[in-house]
Every structure is written in structure tokens, then in C-alpha cells.
Amino acid sequence: MSPYADQGNGAEGSGPYYRQAAAQLGWADLKFKHLADVRHYPGIYQPNSVLPADMRVGYDGRTIKDVDRWVATRGERMMFVYGQNDPWSAERFEPSKHDSMLFEAPNSNHGALISKLKPADRAAAETTVKRWAGQ
């Protein structure tokens, strides 16, 4: 439960990430409509819920929309490796046509890795990374 421990969510720990998620990146919005009548804390699964009060902020979706547009139109040499079972992958970045690509690791979750890709995808990803590195 360390991500939810008070000690690590200040400015020196995970706080900056959660603050940026609350302000700019967004967060998975789990509606649970079928549980509405039994949910006692419906807003608890939000980044502000783990931040100290002085770090809480409102959401402005303009930043992530701008990033998404840039990635899709101008991003270069970008590789996205998503896990097949990652709920965060519902809103994927779509890579541009400028030497960028997207892969999905089967049976993986949020921590998807190139090493977990299908063999052909893994080979393509590794070849690309080596080429980008000048090898």
C-alpha cells in the first residue's frame, strides 16, 4: 500500500506525479454505476485523494490534449508499449508517421516491456531502438 502512504505523497515522493495527473494528465475515471447506491466514497480513486491538501488542484484537460495532438502529428522516434490488460491503455497515444510505433504486449498489464512482446514485435522494437541508438 506504499503508493497510498502519507509519507511518500508529498513534494519529495510521488506527489509531483499525482499533482500533474490531477492537473494535466488526467486519471482513469471508474464510474461503477451499478454500485452507485453502495459507494460511500465515490471520489476516492482520484489523484487528489492521495495528495496533501496544499498540493491538490483542479483538472485542466487542455495540456494532455495538446500533448496527444503533438504526439500524433509531430512526434518523432517514439515507441509505445502497452499491456493488453492495462486499463490505462483505454486512452492510448497514437504515434505519428515520423518513425514512431505502437506495440501491445499480450497478457501484460501496466508494466508492459519490450521483452514481453510477441517475438516478431519484440525483434522489430529491439531493431528500432538499436537503430535510434546508432548501433
N, C-alpha and C. Protein backbone atom coordinates (compact mmCIF):
# COMPACT_ATOMS: atom_id res chain seq x y z
N MET A 1 0.81 -1.20 0.00
CA MET A 1 0.00 0.00 0.00
C MET A 1 0.85 1.27 0.00
N SER A 2 2.14 1.15 -0.29
CA SER A 2 3.02 2.33 -0.22
C SER A 2 2.57 3.49 -1.11
N PRO A 3 1.97 3.30 -2.28
CA PRO A 3 1.54 4.48 -3.04
C PRO A 3 0.51 5.32 -2.30
N TYR A 4 -0.16 4.72 -1.32
CA TYR A 4 -1.20 5.44 -0.60
C TYR A 4 -0.74 5.87 0.80
N ALA A 5 0.52 5.64 1.12
CA ALA A 5 1.04 6.04 2.42
C ALA A 5 1.28 7.55 2.41
N ASP A 6 0.91 8.21 3.47
CA ASP A 6 1.07 9.67 3.54
C ASP A 6 2.51 10.11 3.38
N GLN A 7 3.47 9.33 3.86
CA GLN A 7 4.87 9.73 3.85
C GLN A 7 5.42 9.95 2.44
N GLY A 8 4.96 9.20 1.46
CA GLY A 8 5.55 9.28 0.13
C GLY A 8 4.83 10.17 -0.86
N ASN A 9 3.76 10.83 -0.45
CA ASN A 9 2.98 11.59 -1.42
C ASN A 9 3.17 13.09 -1.34
N GLY A 10 4.17 13.53 -0.62
CA GLY A 10 4.48 14.95 -0.60
C GLY A 10 5.36 15.31 -1.78
N ALA A 11 5.89 16.51 -1.75
CA ALA A 11 6.71 17.01 -2.87
C ALA A 11 7.95 16.16 -3.11
N GLU A 12 8.45 15.48 -2.08
CA GLU A 12 9.68 14.68 -2.23
C GLU A 12 9.42 13.25 -2.68
N GLY A 13 8.20 12.83 -2.76
CA GLY A 13 7.88 11.45 -3.15
C GLY A 13 7.11 11.41 -4.45
N SER A 14 5.98 10.72 -4.45
CA SER A 14 5.14 10.58 -5.64
C SER A 14 4.23 11.78 -5.87
N GLY A 15 4.23 12.70 -4.94
CA GLY A 15 3.34 13.86 -5.03
C GLY A 15 3.37 14.59 -6.34
N PRO A 16 4.56 14.90 -6.89
CA PRO A 16 4.57 15.63 -8.16
C PRO A 16 3.84 14.89 -9.29
N TYR A 17 3.99 13.57 -9.34
CA TYR A 17 3.26 12.82 -10.37
C TYR A 17 1.75 12.92 -10.14
N TYR A 18 1.30 12.67 -8.92
CA TYR A 18 -0.13 12.72 -8.64
C TYR A 18 -0.69 14.12 -8.88
N ARG A 19 0.09 15.16 -8.57
CA ARG A 19 -0.37 16.52 -8.80
C ARG A 19 -0.51 16.77 -10.30
N GLN A 20 0.47 16.32 -11.09
CA GLN A 20 0.37 16.51 -12.53
C GLN A 20 -0.79 15.71 -13.11
N ALA A 21 -1.01 14.51 -12.58
CA ALA A 21 -2.16 13.71 -13.03
C ALA A 21 -3.46 14.44 -12.71
N ALA A 22 -3.54 15.01 -11.52
CA ALA A 22 -4.75 15.74 -11.12
C ALA A 22 -4.95 16.98 -11.97
N ALA A 23 -3.87 17.68 -12.31
CA ALA A 23 -3.97 18.96 -13.00
C ALA A 23 -3.99 18.84 -14.52
N GLN A 24 -3.17 17.93 -15.09
CA GLN A 24 -2.95 17.95 -16.53
C GLN A 24 -3.13 16.62 -17.25
N LEU A 25 -2.65 15.53 -16.67
CA LEU A 25 -2.65 14.26 -17.37
C LEU A 25 -4.00 13.57 -17.39
N GLY A 26 -4.74 13.73 -16.33
CA GLY A 26 -5.99 13.01 -16.18
C GLY A 26 -5.78 11.69 -15.46
N TRP A 27 -6.84 10.98 -15.26
CA TRP A 27 -6.83 9.79 -14.43
C TRP A 27 -7.96 8.90 -14.90
N ALA A 28 -7.80 7.61 -14.78
CA ALA A 28 -8.87 6.69 -15.15
C ALA A 28 -10.11 7.02 -14.32
N ASP A 29 -11.22 7.20 -14.98
CA ASP A 29 -12.46 7.55 -14.30
C ASP A 29 -13.33 6.31 -14.24
N LEU A 30 -13.37 5.71 -13.08
CA LEU A 30 -14.13 4.48 -12.89
C LEU A 30 -15.51 4.84 -12.38
N LYS A 31 -16.50 4.65 -13.21
CA LYS A 31 -17.85 5.11 -12.88
C LYS A 31 -18.57 4.19 -11.89
N PHE A 32 -18.48 2.89 -12.05
CA PHE A 32 -19.15 1.93 -11.17
C PHE A 32 -20.63 2.27 -11.00
N LYS A 33 -21.31 2.59 -12.09
CA LYS A 33 -22.72 3.00 -11.99
C LYS A 33 -23.57 1.95 -11.28
N HIS A 34 -23.25 0.68 -11.50
CA HIS A 34 -24.04 -0.39 -10.88
C HIS A 34 -23.81 -0.47 -9.37
N LEU A 35 -22.81 0.25 -8.87
CA LEU A 35 -22.53 0.25 -7.43
C LEU A 35 -22.84 1.61 -6.78
N ALA A 36 -23.46 2.51 -7.52
CA ALA A 36 -23.67 3.88 -7.03
C ALA A 36 -24.36 3.93 -5.68
N ASP A 37 -25.30 3.05 -5.45
CA ASP A 37 -26.05 3.12 -4.19
C ASP A 37 -25.29 2.54 -3.00
N VAL A 38 -24.16 1.88 -3.22
CA VAL A 38 -23.39 1.32 -2.10
C VAL A 38 -22.00 1.95 -1.96
N ARG A 39 -21.64 2.84 -2.86
CA ARG A 39 -20.32 3.50 -2.77
C ARG A 39 -20.40 4.64 -1.77
N HIS A 40 -19.59 4.56 -0.74
CA HIS A 40 -19.58 5.59 0.29
C HIS A 40 -18.59 6.71 -0.01
N TYR A 41 -17.57 6.44 -0.81
CA TYR A 41 -16.54 7.43 -1.12
C TYR A 41 -16.28 7.43 -2.62
N PRO A 42 -17.20 7.93 -3.42
CA PRO A 42 -17.08 7.83 -4.88
C PRO A 42 -15.88 8.57 -5.47
N GLY A 43 -15.37 9.58 -4.83
CA GLY A 43 -14.24 10.33 -5.38
C GLY A 43 -12.89 9.88 -4.86
N ILE A 44 -12.84 8.76 -4.16
CA ILE A 44 -11.60 8.34 -3.51
C ILE A 44 -10.52 7.90 -4.50
N TYR A 45 -10.91 7.36 -5.65
CA TYR A 45 -9.91 6.89 -6.60
C TYR A 45 -9.58 8.01 -7.59
N GLN A 46 -9.00 9.05 -7.09
CA GLN A 46 -8.56 10.19 -7.87
C GLN A 46 -7.21 10.63 -7.31
N PRO A 47 -6.35 11.23 -8.13
CA PRO A 47 -5.02 11.59 -7.64
C PRO A 47 -5.05 12.56 -6.46
N ASN A 48 -6.01 13.47 -6.42
CA ASN A 48 -6.08 14.41 -5.30
C ASN A 48 -6.33 13.70 -3.97
N SER A 49 -6.93 12.52 -4.01
CA SER A 49 -7.26 11.83 -2.77
C SER A 49 -6.03 11.34 -2.02
N VAL A 50 -4.89 11.25 -2.69
CA VAL A 50 -3.67 10.80 -2.01
C VAL A 50 -2.69 11.95 -1.77
N LEU A 51 -3.05 13.15 -2.17
CA LEU A 51 -2.16 14.30 -2.01
C LEU A 51 -2.44 15.05 -0.73
N PRO A 52 -1.41 15.65 -0.14
CA PRO A 52 -1.66 16.57 0.98
C PRO A 52 -2.54 17.72 0.48
N ALA A 53 -3.33 18.29 1.36
CA ALA A 53 -4.31 19.32 0.97
C ALA A 53 -3.67 20.47 0.20
N ASP A 54 -2.46 20.88 0.57
CA ASP A 54 -1.85 22.03 -0.10
C ASP A 54 -1.31 21.72 -1.50
N MET A 55 -1.36 20.47 -1.91
CA MET A 55 -0.91 20.10 -3.26
C MET A 55 -2.09 19.78 -4.19
N ARG A 56 -3.30 19.79 -3.70
CA ARG A 56 -4.46 19.44 -4.52
C ARG A 56 -4.77 20.56 -5.51
N VAL A 57 -5.27 20.17 -6.67
CA VAL A 57 -5.52 21.11 -7.74
C VAL A 57 -6.66 20.60 -8.62
N GLY A 58 -7.29 21.47 -9.38
CA GLY A 58 -8.34 21.09 -10.31
C GLY A 58 -7.75 20.63 -11.64
N TYR A 59 -8.55 19.91 -12.42
CA TYR A 59 -8.10 19.34 -13.69
C TYR A 59 -8.36 20.31 -14.85
N ASP A 60 -7.37 20.42 -15.72
CA ASP A 60 -7.49 21.19 -16.95
C ASP A 60 -7.01 20.29 -18.08
N GLY A 61 -7.91 19.78 -18.89
CA GLY A 61 -7.57 18.81 -19.92
C GLY A 61 -6.87 19.37 -21.14
N ARG A 62 -6.64 20.67 -21.21
CA ARG A 62 -6.01 21.25 -22.40
C ARG A 62 -4.59 20.74 -22.61
N THR A 63 -3.84 20.56 -21.53
CA THR A 63 -2.44 20.14 -21.66
C THR A 63 -2.32 18.77 -22.31
N ILE A 64 -3.05 17.78 -21.82
CA ILE A 64 -2.92 16.43 -22.35
C ILE A 64 -3.47 16.36 -23.77
N LYS A 65 -4.48 17.15 -24.09
CA LYS A 65 -4.97 17.19 -25.47
C LYS A 65 -3.91 17.76 -26.40
N ASP A 66 -3.18 18.75 -25.93
CA ASP A 66 -2.09 19.33 -26.73
C ASP A 66 -0.97 18.31 -26.92
N VAL A 67 -0.62 17.59 -25.86
CA VAL A 67 0.41 16.54 -25.96
C VAL A 67 -0.05 15.46 -26.92
N ASP A 68 -1.29 15.03 -26.80
CA ASP A 68 -1.83 13.98 -27.68
C ASP A 68 -1.76 14.42 -29.15
N ARG A 69 -2.14 15.64 -29.43
CA ARG A 69 -2.09 16.17 -30.79
C ARG A 69 -0.65 16.22 -31.31
N TRP A 70 0.28 16.66 -30.45
CA TRP A 70 1.68 16.74 -30.85
C TRP A 70 2.24 15.34 -31.14
N VAL A 71 1.97 14.38 -30.27
CA VAL A 71 2.45 13.01 -30.48
C VAL A 71 1.95 12.46 -31.81
N ALA A 72 0.67 12.68 -32.10
CA ALA A 72 0.06 12.12 -33.31
C ALA A 72 0.50 12.81 -34.60
N THR A 73 0.94 14.06 -34.50
CA THR A 73 1.27 14.79 -35.73
C THR A 73 2.75 15.12 -35.89
N ARG A 74 3.45 15.35 -34.79
CA ARG A 74 4.82 15.82 -34.89
C ARG A 74 5.85 14.98 -34.14
N GLY A 75 5.39 14.08 -33.29
CA GLY A 75 6.32 13.25 -32.53
C GLY A 75 7.20 12.41 -33.44
N GLU A 76 8.48 12.33 -33.10
CA GLU A 76 9.43 11.54 -33.89
C GLU A 76 10.14 10.54 -32.98
N ARG A 77 10.41 9.36 -33.53
CA ARG A 77 11.13 8.32 -32.81
C ARG A 77 10.49 8.04 -31.45
N MET A 78 9.22 7.78 -31.48
CA MET A 78 8.51 7.47 -30.25
C MET A 78 7.99 6.04 -30.33
N MET A 79 8.15 5.30 -29.24
CA MET A 79 7.68 3.93 -29.19
C MET A 79 6.80 3.77 -27.96
N PHE A 80 5.62 3.24 -28.19
CA PHE A 80 4.67 3.00 -27.11
C PHE A 80 4.48 1.50 -26.97
N VAL A 81 4.68 0.99 -25.77
CA VAL A 81 4.49 -0.42 -25.47
C VAL A 81 3.40 -0.50 -24.41
N TYR A 82 2.23 -0.96 -24.83
CA TYR A 82 1.08 -1.05 -23.93
C TYR A 82 0.83 -2.50 -23.57
N GLY A 83 0.29 -2.71 -22.39
CA GLY A 83 -0.12 -4.04 -21.95
C GLY A 83 -1.54 -4.32 -22.40
N GLN A 84 -1.77 -5.51 -22.90
CA GLN A 84 -3.09 -5.91 -23.36
C GLN A 84 -4.15 -5.75 -22.27
N ASN A 85 -3.77 -6.01 -21.03
CA ASN A 85 -4.73 -6.00 -19.93
C ASN A 85 -4.60 -4.75 -19.05
N ASP A 86 -4.03 -3.70 -19.57
CA ASP A 86 -3.82 -2.49 -18.80
C ASP A 86 -5.02 -1.55 -18.96
N PRO A 87 -5.77 -1.30 -17.90
CA PRO A 87 -6.92 -0.40 -18.04
C PRO A 87 -6.52 1.02 -18.45
N TRP A 88 -5.29 1.40 -18.17
CA TRP A 88 -4.84 2.73 -18.57
C TRP A 88 -4.66 2.82 -20.09
N SER A 89 -4.61 1.70 -20.77
CA SER A 89 -4.44 1.70 -22.22
C SER A 89 -5.71 2.06 -22.97
N ALA A 90 -6.78 2.30 -22.27
CA ALA A 90 -8.03 2.66 -22.94
C ALA A 90 -7.86 3.97 -23.71
N GLU A 91 -6.99 4.83 -23.26
CA GLU A 91 -6.72 6.12 -23.93
C GLU A 91 -5.26 6.13 -24.36
N ARG A 92 -4.97 5.40 -25.40
CA ARG A 92 -3.60 5.28 -25.88
C ARG A 92 -3.20 6.49 -26.72
N PHE A 93 -1.91 6.76 -26.70
CA PHE A 93 -1.37 7.71 -27.66
C PHE A 93 -1.29 6.99 -29.01
N GLU A 94 -1.59 7.68 -30.06
CA GLU A 94 -1.43 7.14 -31.40
C GLU A 94 -0.17 7.78 -31.98
N PRO A 95 0.84 6.97 -32.28
CA PRO A 95 2.09 7.54 -32.78
C PRO A 95 1.93 8.16 -34.17
N SER A 96 2.77 9.13 -34.44
CA SER A 96 2.77 9.77 -35.75
C SER A 96 3.40 8.84 -36.79
N LYS A 97 3.46 9.31 -38.00
CA LYS A 97 4.10 8.55 -39.08
C LYS A 97 5.58 8.87 -39.17
N HIS A 98 6.11 9.58 -38.19
CA HIS A 98 7.51 10.02 -38.20
C HIS A 98 8.38 9.05 -37.38
N ASP A 99 8.62 7.86 -37.91
CA ASP A 99 9.48 6.87 -37.29
C ASP A 99 9.05 6.57 -35.85
N SER A 100 7.75 6.39 -35.67
CA SER A 100 7.19 6.08 -34.36
C SER A 100 6.30 4.85 -34.49
N MET A 101 6.07 4.15 -33.38
CA MET A 101 5.29 2.93 -33.44
C MET A 101 4.64 2.59 -32.11
N LEU A 102 3.67 1.70 -32.18
CA LEU A 102 2.94 1.24 -31.01
C LEU A 102 2.92 -0.28 -31.01
N PHE A 103 3.15 -0.87 -29.85
CA PHE A 103 3.09 -2.31 -29.68
C PHE A 103 2.20 -2.64 -28.49
N GLU A 104 1.63 -3.84 -28.52
CA GLU A 104 0.84 -4.32 -27.39
C GLU A 104 1.42 -5.64 -26.91
N ALA A 105 1.77 -5.69 -25.65
CA ALA A 105 2.31 -6.91 -25.05
C ALA A 105 1.16 -7.79 -24.57
N PRO A 106 1.04 -9.00 -25.13
CA PRO A 106 -0.06 -9.87 -24.75
C PRO A 106 0.03 -10.27 -23.27
N ASN A 107 -1.13 -10.36 -22.66
CA ASN A 107 -1.26 -10.79 -21.26
C ASN A 107 -0.44 -9.95 -20.29
N SER A 108 -0.14 -8.73 -20.66
CA SER A 108 0.62 -7.83 -19.78
C SER A 108 -0.30 -6.74 -19.26
N ASN A 109 0.18 -6.08 -18.22
CA ASN A 109 -0.59 -5.03 -17.61
C ASN A 109 0.18 -3.72 -17.71
N HIS A 110 0.13 -2.91 -16.69
CA HIS A 110 0.69 -1.56 -16.71
C HIS A 110 2.20 -1.54 -16.89
N GLY A 111 2.88 -2.56 -16.47
CA GLY A 111 4.34 -2.61 -16.58
C GLY A 111 4.82 -3.34 -17.81
N ALA A 112 4.13 -3.20 -18.93
CA ALA A 112 4.50 -3.91 -20.16
C ALA A 112 5.92 -3.55 -20.59
N LEU A 113 6.63 -4.54 -21.10
CA LEU A 113 8.02 -4.37 -21.51
C LEU A 113 8.21 -4.89 -22.93
N ILE A 114 9.24 -4.39 -23.61
CA ILE A 114 9.59 -4.91 -24.93
C ILE A 114 9.82 -6.42 -24.85
N SER A 115 10.42 -6.86 -23.76
CA SER A 115 10.71 -8.29 -23.62
C SER A 115 9.45 -9.15 -23.55
N LYS A 116 8.31 -8.56 -23.31
CA LYS A 116 7.05 -9.30 -23.22
C LYS A 116 6.24 -9.28 -24.52
N LEU A 117 6.78 -8.64 -25.56
CA LEU A 117 6.08 -8.58 -26.84
C LEU A 117 6.14 -9.93 -27.56
N LYS A 118 5.26 -10.12 -28.54
CA LYS A 118 5.34 -11.29 -29.41
C LYS A 118 6.70 -11.26 -30.10
N PRO A 119 7.27 -12.41 -30.44
CA PRO A 119 8.62 -12.45 -31.00
C PRO A 119 8.87 -11.49 -32.17
N ALA A 120 7.96 -11.43 -33.13
CA ALA A 120 8.16 -10.53 -34.28
C ALA A 120 8.14 -9.07 -33.85
N ASP A 121 7.22 -8.72 -32.94
CA ASP A 121 7.15 -7.34 -32.46
C ASP A 121 8.38 -7.00 -31.62
N ARG A 122 8.81 -7.96 -30.81
CA ARG A 122 10.00 -7.74 -29.98
C ARG A 122 11.21 -7.48 -30.87
N ALA A 123 11.37 -8.27 -31.91
CA ALA A 123 12.50 -8.09 -32.83
C ALA A 123 12.43 -6.72 -33.49
N ALA A 124 11.24 -6.32 -33.93
CA ALA A 124 11.08 -5.01 -34.57
C ALA A 124 11.39 -3.87 -33.59
N ALA A 125 10.91 -4.00 -32.37
CA ALA A 125 11.16 -2.96 -31.36
C ALA A 125 12.64 -2.87 -31.02
N GLU A 126 13.28 -4.02 -30.82
CA GLU A 126 14.71 -4.02 -30.48
C GLU A 126 15.54 -3.46 -31.63
N THR A 127 15.22 -3.83 -32.86
CA THR A 127 15.94 -3.31 -34.03
C THR A 127 15.79 -1.80 -34.10
N THR A 128 14.59 -1.31 -33.84
CA THR A 128 14.33 0.13 -33.90
C THR A 128 15.11 0.87 -32.83
N VAL A 129 15.10 0.36 -31.61
CA VAL A 129 15.83 1.03 -30.52
C VAL A 129 17.34 1.06 -30.83
N LYS A 130 17.86 -0.03 -31.35
CA LYS A 130 19.28 -0.07 -31.72
C LYS A 130 19.59 0.94 -32.83
N ARG A 131 18.70 1.03 -33.81
CA ARG A 131 18.89 1.99 -34.89
C ARG A 131 18.86 3.42 -34.35
N TRP A 132 17.91 3.70 -33.46
CA TRP A 132 17.84 5.03 -32.85
C TRP A 132 19.11 5.34 -32.06
N ALA A 133 19.70 4.31 -31.47
CA ALA A 133 20.91 4.50 -30.67
C ALA A 133 22.18 4.52 -31.53
N GLY A 134 22.03 4.35 -32.84
CA GLY A 134 23.17 4.38 -33.73
C GLY A 134 23.97 3.11 -33.77
N GLN A 135 23.33 2.00 -33.42
CA GLN A 135 24.04 0.70 -33.42
C GLN A 135 23.66 -0.14 -34.61
